[in-house]
N, C-alpha and C. Protein backbone atom coordinates (compact mmCIF):
# COMPACT_ATOMS: atom_id res chain seq x y z
N MET A 1 -107.16 -0.12 86.84
CA MET A 1 -107.85 -0.03 85.56
C MET A 1 -109.32 -0.34 85.80
N SER A 2 -110.19 0.47 85.22
CA SER A 2 -111.62 0.28 85.45
C SER A 2 -112.17 -0.81 84.53
N GLU A 3 -113.35 -1.28 84.89
CA GLU A 3 -114.02 -2.32 84.10
C GLU A 3 -114.43 -1.76 82.74
N LYS A 4 -114.31 -2.59 81.71
CA LYS A 4 -114.65 -2.14 80.36
C LYS A 4 -116.15 -1.95 80.23
N ILE A 5 -116.52 -0.90 79.53
CA ILE A 5 -117.92 -0.63 79.21
C ILE A 5 -118.09 -0.87 77.72
N TYR A 6 -118.76 -1.97 77.36
CA TYR A 6 -118.93 -2.34 75.96
C TYR A 6 -120.04 -1.49 75.34
N ALA A 7 -119.79 -1.01 74.12
CA ALA A 7 -120.72 -0.10 73.48
C ALA A 7 -121.12 -0.52 72.08
N GLY A 8 -120.59 -1.63 71.58
CA GLY A 8 -120.95 -2.06 70.24
C GLY A 8 -119.97 -3.06 69.67
N THR A 9 -120.17 -3.37 68.39
CA THR A 9 -119.33 -4.36 67.71
C THR A 9 -118.92 -3.83 66.35
N GLY A 10 -117.94 -4.51 65.75
CA GLY A 10 -117.47 -4.13 64.43
C GLY A 10 -117.08 -5.35 63.62
N LYS A 11 -117.12 -5.20 62.32
CA LYS A 11 -116.78 -6.29 61.42
C LYS A 11 -115.80 -5.76 60.37
N ALA A 12 -114.66 -6.47 60.22
CA ALA A 12 -113.65 -6.06 59.25
C ALA A 12 -114.00 -6.59 57.87
N PHE A 13 -113.77 -5.76 56.86
CA PHE A 13 -114.01 -6.14 55.47
C PHE A 13 -112.75 -5.83 54.65
N THR A 14 -112.44 -6.70 53.71
CA THR A 14 -111.36 -6.47 52.76
C THR A 14 -111.96 -6.44 51.37
N PHE A 15 -111.63 -5.39 50.63
CA PHE A 15 -112.16 -5.21 49.29
C PHE A 15 -111.26 -5.88 48.26
N SER A 16 -111.79 -6.10 47.06
CA SER A 16 -111.03 -6.76 46.00
C SER A 16 -109.80 -5.94 45.58
N ASN A 17 -109.81 -4.63 45.83
CA ASN A 17 -108.66 -3.80 45.48
C ASN A 17 -107.62 -3.75 46.60
N GLY A 18 -107.85 -4.53 47.68
CA GLY A 18 -106.90 -4.57 48.79
C GLY A 18 -107.22 -3.61 49.92
N GLY A 19 -108.17 -2.73 49.72
CA GLY A 19 -108.56 -1.79 50.78
C GLY A 19 -109.33 -2.51 51.88
N THR A 20 -109.33 -1.91 53.06
CA THR A 20 -110.05 -2.51 54.19
C THR A 20 -110.88 -1.46 54.91
N LYS A 21 -111.83 -1.93 55.67
CA LYS A 21 -112.62 -1.06 56.54
C LYS A 21 -113.15 -1.90 57.68
N VAL A 22 -113.51 -1.23 58.76
CA VAL A 22 -114.21 -1.87 59.87
C VAL A 22 -115.53 -1.14 60.01
N SER A 23 -116.62 -1.85 59.81
CA SER A 23 -117.96 -1.29 59.93
C SER A 23 -118.44 -1.54 61.35
N CYS A 24 -118.89 -0.49 62.04
CA CYS A 24 -119.26 -0.60 63.45
C CYS A 24 -120.73 -0.31 63.69
N SER A 25 -121.23 -0.93 64.74
CA SER A 25 -122.58 -0.69 65.22
C SER A 25 -122.47 -0.28 66.69
N ILE A 26 -122.97 0.91 67.02
CA ILE A 26 -122.87 1.44 68.37
C ILE A 26 -124.25 1.45 69.01
N CYS A 27 -124.33 0.90 70.22
CA CYS A 27 -125.58 0.91 70.97
C CYS A 27 -125.63 2.20 71.81
N LEU A 28 -126.39 3.17 71.34
CA LEU A 28 -126.47 4.46 72.03
C LEU A 28 -127.07 4.34 73.43
N SER A 29 -127.93 3.36 73.62
CA SER A 29 -128.55 3.17 74.93
C SER A 29 -127.54 2.74 75.99
N ASP A 30 -126.43 2.10 75.56
CA ASP A 30 -125.42 1.62 76.50
C ASP A 30 -124.35 2.66 76.83
N LEU A 31 -124.40 3.83 76.19
CA LEU A 31 -123.37 4.83 76.45
C LEU A 31 -123.67 5.56 77.76
N PRO A 32 -122.75 5.46 78.72
CA PRO A 32 -122.99 6.10 80.02
C PRO A 32 -122.86 7.62 79.92
N LYS A 33 -123.84 8.30 80.48
CA LYS A 33 -123.89 9.76 80.39
C LYS A 33 -122.69 10.45 81.01
N GLU A 34 -122.08 9.84 82.03
CA GLU A 34 -120.95 10.50 82.69
C GLU A 34 -119.71 10.61 81.80
N PHE A 35 -119.67 9.87 80.68
CA PHE A 35 -118.54 9.95 79.77
C PHE A 35 -118.85 10.77 78.52
N ILE A 36 -120.04 11.32 78.45
CA ILE A 36 -120.40 12.17 77.32
C ILE A 36 -119.98 13.60 77.67
N THR A 37 -119.21 14.21 76.78
CA THR A 37 -118.75 15.57 77.02
C THR A 37 -119.40 16.52 76.03
N ILE A 38 -119.46 17.77 76.40
CA ILE A 38 -120.04 18.80 75.55
C ILE A 38 -118.89 19.64 74.97
N GLY A 39 -118.87 19.81 73.67
CA GLY A 39 -117.84 20.61 73.01
C GLY A 39 -117.89 22.05 73.49
N LYS A 40 -116.74 22.61 73.80
CA LYS A 40 -116.67 23.98 74.33
C LYS A 40 -117.06 25.02 73.29
N LYS A 41 -116.71 24.77 72.03
CA LYS A 41 -116.97 25.76 70.99
C LYS A 41 -118.29 25.56 70.28
N ASN A 42 -118.72 24.28 70.13
CA ASN A 42 -119.91 24.04 69.31
C ASN A 42 -121.10 23.49 70.10
N GLY A 43 -120.91 23.12 71.35
CA GLY A 43 -122.01 22.62 72.18
C GLY A 43 -122.49 21.23 71.80
N LYS A 44 -121.79 20.54 70.89
CA LYS A 44 -122.19 19.19 70.48
C LYS A 44 -121.74 18.17 71.52
N LYS A 45 -122.40 17.01 71.52
CA LYS A 45 -122.08 15.94 72.47
C LYS A 45 -121.10 14.96 71.84
N TYR A 46 -120.10 14.58 72.64
CA TYR A 46 -119.07 13.65 72.19
C TYR A 46 -118.85 12.55 73.21
N ILE A 47 -118.39 11.40 72.72
CA ILE A 47 -117.94 10.32 73.60
C ILE A 47 -116.74 9.66 72.93
N LYS A 48 -115.72 9.34 73.72
CA LYS A 48 -114.53 8.70 73.18
C LYS A 48 -114.70 7.19 73.27
N LEU A 49 -114.46 6.53 72.15
CA LEU A 49 -114.58 5.07 72.08
C LEU A 49 -113.26 4.47 71.62
N ASP A 50 -113.01 3.25 72.04
CA ASP A 50 -111.85 2.48 71.58
C ASP A 50 -112.35 1.32 70.74
N LEU A 51 -111.78 1.14 69.56
CA LEU A 51 -112.11 0.03 68.69
C LEU A 51 -111.00 -1.01 68.84
N LEU A 52 -111.36 -2.20 69.31
CA LEU A 52 -110.38 -3.25 69.58
C LEU A 52 -110.69 -4.50 68.77
N GLU A 53 -109.65 -5.17 68.35
CA GLU A 53 -109.81 -6.41 67.61
C GLU A 53 -110.03 -7.56 68.60
N ARG A 54 -110.97 -8.43 68.29
CA ARG A 54 -111.24 -9.59 69.14
C ARG A 54 -110.04 -10.54 69.10
N LYS A 55 -109.62 -11.01 70.26
CA LYS A 55 -108.47 -11.92 70.34
C LYS A 55 -108.79 -13.31 69.81
N ASN A 56 -110.04 -13.74 69.94
CA ASN A 56 -110.44 -15.10 69.55
C ASN A 56 -111.07 -15.16 68.17
N GLY A 57 -110.77 -14.20 67.31
CA GLY A 57 -111.34 -14.22 65.96
C GLY A 57 -112.80 -13.79 65.95
N GLU A 58 -113.50 -14.21 64.94
CA GLU A 58 -114.91 -13.83 64.76
C GLU A 58 -115.81 -14.48 65.80
N ASP A 59 -116.87 -13.74 66.18
CA ASP A 59 -117.90 -14.35 67.02
C ASP A 59 -118.95 -15.03 66.13
N ASP A 60 -120.04 -15.49 66.70
CA ASP A 60 -121.08 -16.20 65.94
C ASP A 60 -121.75 -15.33 64.87
N PHE A 61 -121.60 -14.00 64.98
CA PHE A 61 -122.23 -13.09 64.03
C PHE A 61 -121.23 -12.52 63.03
N GLY A 62 -119.99 -13.00 63.06
CA GLY A 62 -118.97 -12.52 62.14
C GLY A 62 -118.25 -11.26 62.59
N ASN A 63 -118.53 -10.80 63.83
CA ASN A 63 -117.87 -9.60 64.33
C ASN A 63 -116.42 -9.90 64.67
N THR A 64 -115.54 -9.04 64.19
CA THR A 64 -114.10 -9.20 64.41
C THR A 64 -113.55 -8.17 65.39
N HIS A 65 -114.34 -7.17 65.72
CA HIS A 65 -113.93 -6.08 66.60
C HIS A 65 -115.03 -5.77 67.61
N TYR A 66 -114.67 -5.01 68.64
CA TYR A 66 -115.67 -4.52 69.59
C TYR A 66 -115.30 -3.12 70.03
N LEU A 67 -116.30 -2.38 70.50
CA LEU A 67 -116.12 -1.01 70.94
C LEU A 67 -116.28 -0.93 72.45
N THR A 68 -115.40 -0.15 73.07
CA THR A 68 -115.54 0.13 74.50
C THR A 68 -115.48 1.63 74.70
N VAL A 69 -116.05 2.10 75.79
CA VAL A 69 -115.99 3.51 76.15
C VAL A 69 -114.61 3.79 76.72
N ASP A 70 -113.96 4.83 76.24
CA ASP A 70 -112.67 5.25 76.78
C ASP A 70 -112.96 5.95 78.10
N THR A 71 -112.66 5.28 79.21
CA THR A 71 -113.01 5.79 80.54
C THR A 71 -111.87 6.57 81.19
N TRP A 72 -110.75 6.75 80.46
CA TRP A 72 -109.61 7.46 81.03
C TRP A 72 -109.97 8.91 81.28
N LYS A 73 -109.63 9.39 82.46
CA LYS A 73 -109.82 10.79 82.79
C LYS A 73 -108.50 11.30 83.35
N PRO A 74 -108.10 12.50 82.96
CA PRO A 74 -106.83 13.02 83.46
C PRO A 74 -106.91 13.25 84.97
N THR A 75 -105.80 12.99 85.63
CA THR A 75 -105.74 13.27 87.07
C THR A 75 -105.34 14.72 87.26
N GLN A 76 -105.62 15.22 88.43
CA GLN A 76 -105.27 16.60 88.73
C GLN A 76 -103.75 16.71 88.69
N GLN A 77 -103.25 17.71 87.99
CA GLN A 77 -101.81 17.85 87.84
C GLN A 77 -101.16 18.23 89.16
N ARG A 78 -100.06 17.54 89.42
CA ARG A 78 -99.31 17.85 90.62
C ARG A 78 -98.43 19.06 90.34
N GLU A 79 -98.25 19.85 91.34
CA GLU A 79 -97.34 20.98 91.20
C GLU A 79 -95.94 20.48 91.43
N GLU A 80 -95.07 20.68 90.45
CA GLU A 80 -93.69 20.22 90.55
C GLU A 80 -92.94 21.07 91.56
N PRO A 81 -92.15 20.41 92.42
CA PRO A 81 -91.36 21.19 93.38
C PRO A 81 -90.31 22.01 92.63
N LYS A 82 -90.11 23.24 93.10
CA LYS A 82 -89.14 24.11 92.47
C LYS A 82 -87.74 23.70 92.90
N GLU A 83 -86.83 23.75 91.95
CA GLU A 83 -85.45 23.42 92.28
C GLU A 83 -84.87 24.49 93.19
N GLN A 84 -84.18 24.02 94.20
CA GLN A 84 -83.54 24.96 95.10
C GLN A 84 -82.09 25.14 94.70
N ASP A 85 -81.63 26.34 94.82
CA ASP A 85 -80.24 26.65 94.53
C ASP A 85 -79.38 26.10 95.66
N PRO A 86 -78.51 25.12 95.36
CA PRO A 86 -77.70 24.52 96.44
C PRO A 86 -76.72 25.51 97.07
N TRP A 87 -76.53 26.66 96.45
CA TRP A 87 -75.57 27.64 96.98
C TRP A 87 -76.28 28.75 97.74
N GLY A 88 -77.58 28.59 97.89
CA GLY A 88 -78.31 29.52 98.74
C GLY A 88 -78.84 30.68 98.02
């Protein structure tokens, strides 16, 4: 597993009607270019992020969540061996 790349923070809010949201702040300067992809159809730039809840509760600024760059990349697919007919 690769080292986490932190990209921002988030704060959870609960509304009087019971609804919730997590408001996030993303530091664009910290986003590594090698994880930015270009959309095949629209040419726009994308990056996959994971929003995680802090295990130790709020930090000094009231943040309850943090953002990391999703660094997972698919591995090259292995070619499955073909089944051999045991009867030849």
